[in-house]
Amino acid sequence: MKINRTFSIPVKLALRLKAVRNQSALVSRAVYKYLDEKEEFSSSDIPSRSLLSAITNRDDVPEHIKVVIQLHLENK
């Protein structure tokens, strides 16, 4: 079963989508892919500051890298 939905998208994206033969299928695939990926853990979901902070606590990271990260975190 299918249902119609109305969404706002940027004009530039709409123009690109207009060239696609089966727009509904393309949008469905894109939304499924987006939602499936959201269910998986990704390091991109973690804020950069948190990642950098965690890196400074690791033993396998060279000290000079830790110093640069610390300087960066202190400047923000």
Protein backbone atom coordinates (compact mmCIF):
# COMPACT_ATOMS: atom_id res chain seq x y z
CA MET A 1 0.00 0.00 0.00
CA LYS A 2 1.19 3.50 -0.76
CA ILE A 3 0.25 6.96 0.48
CA ASN A 4 0.91 10.43 -0.91
CA ARG A 5 2.89 12.92 1.21
CA THR A 6 3.87 16.51 0.57
CA PHE A 7 7.29 17.78 1.67
CA SER A 8 9.25 20.94 1.03
CA ILE A 9 12.64 20.53 -0.63
CA PRO A 10 15.08 23.07 -2.05
CA VAL A 11 14.37 24.18 -5.63
CA LYS A 12 17.80 23.04 -6.79
CA LEU A 13 17.09 19.53 -5.49
CA ALA A 14 13.61 19.53 -7.09
CA LEU A 15 15.13 20.41 -10.45
CA ARG A 16 17.58 17.53 -10.19
CA LEU A 17 14.81 15.17 -9.13
CA LYS A 18 12.65 16.27 -12.08
CA ALA A 19 15.10 14.57 -14.44
CA VAL A 20 14.56 11.18 -12.77
CA ARG A 21 12.09 8.84 -14.44
CA ASN A 22 10.55 7.25 -11.31
CA GLN A 23 10.79 9.95 -8.67
CA SER A 24 8.71 8.09 -6.08
CA ALA A 25 10.94 5.03 -6.22
CA LEU A 26 14.07 7.14 -5.91
CA VAL A 27 12.72 9.07 -2.93
CA SER A 28 11.53 5.84 -1.26
CA ARG A 29 14.97 4.23 -1.65
CA ALA A 30 16.69 7.35 -0.31
CA VAL A 31 14.43 7.57 2.74
CA TYR A 32 14.80 3.86 3.51
CA LYS A 33 18.58 4.16 3.24
CA TYR A 34 18.61 7.23 5.50
CA LEU A 35 16.41 5.59 8.13
CA ASP A 36 18.34 2.31 8.04
CA GLU A 37 21.62 4.13 8.57
CA LYS A 38 20.16 6.09 11.49
CA GLU A 39 19.53 2.81 13.31
CA GLU A 40 23.23 1.95 13.12
CA PHE A 41 25.82 3.56 15.34
CA SER A 42 28.13 5.96 13.60
CA SER A 43 30.96 8.03 14.98
CA SER A 44 29.52 10.92 12.95
CA ASP A 45 26.62 10.97 15.42
CA ILE A 46 29.02 11.99 18.22
CA PRO A 47 29.94 15.67 18.56
CA SER A 48 33.52 16.42 17.47
CA ARG A 49 34.48 17.84 20.87
CA SER A 50 33.45 14.60 22.56
CA LEU A 51 35.47 12.54 20.09
CA LEU A 52 38.52 14.74 20.53
CA SER A 53 38.21 14.53 24.29
CA ALA A 54 37.99 10.74 24.14
CA ILE A 55 41.08 10.58 21.90
CA THR A 56 43.14 12.45 24.50
CA ASN A 57 42.36 9.71 27.04
CA ARG A 58 43.68 6.89 24.88
CA ASP A 59 47.09 5.32 25.52
CA ASP A 60 47.82 4.64 21.84
CA VAL A 61 47.71 8.31 20.78
CA PRO A 62 51.06 10.12 20.55
CA GLU A 63 51.59 12.83 23.14
CA HIS A 64 52.09 15.60 20.58
CA ILE A 65 48.67 14.85 19.08
CA LYS A 66 47.11 15.02 22.53
CA VAL A 67 48.72 18.43 23.10
CA VAL A 68 47.33 19.81 19.83
CA ILE A 69 43.86 18.49 20.66
CA GLN A 70 44.02 19.95 24.16
CA LEU A 71 44.99 23.36 22.74
CA HIS A 72 42.12 23.16 20.28
CA LEU A 73 39.61 22.22 22.98
CA GLU A 74 40.79 25.04 25.27
CA ASN A 75 40.42 27.66 22.52
CA LYS A 76 36.74 26.94 21.91
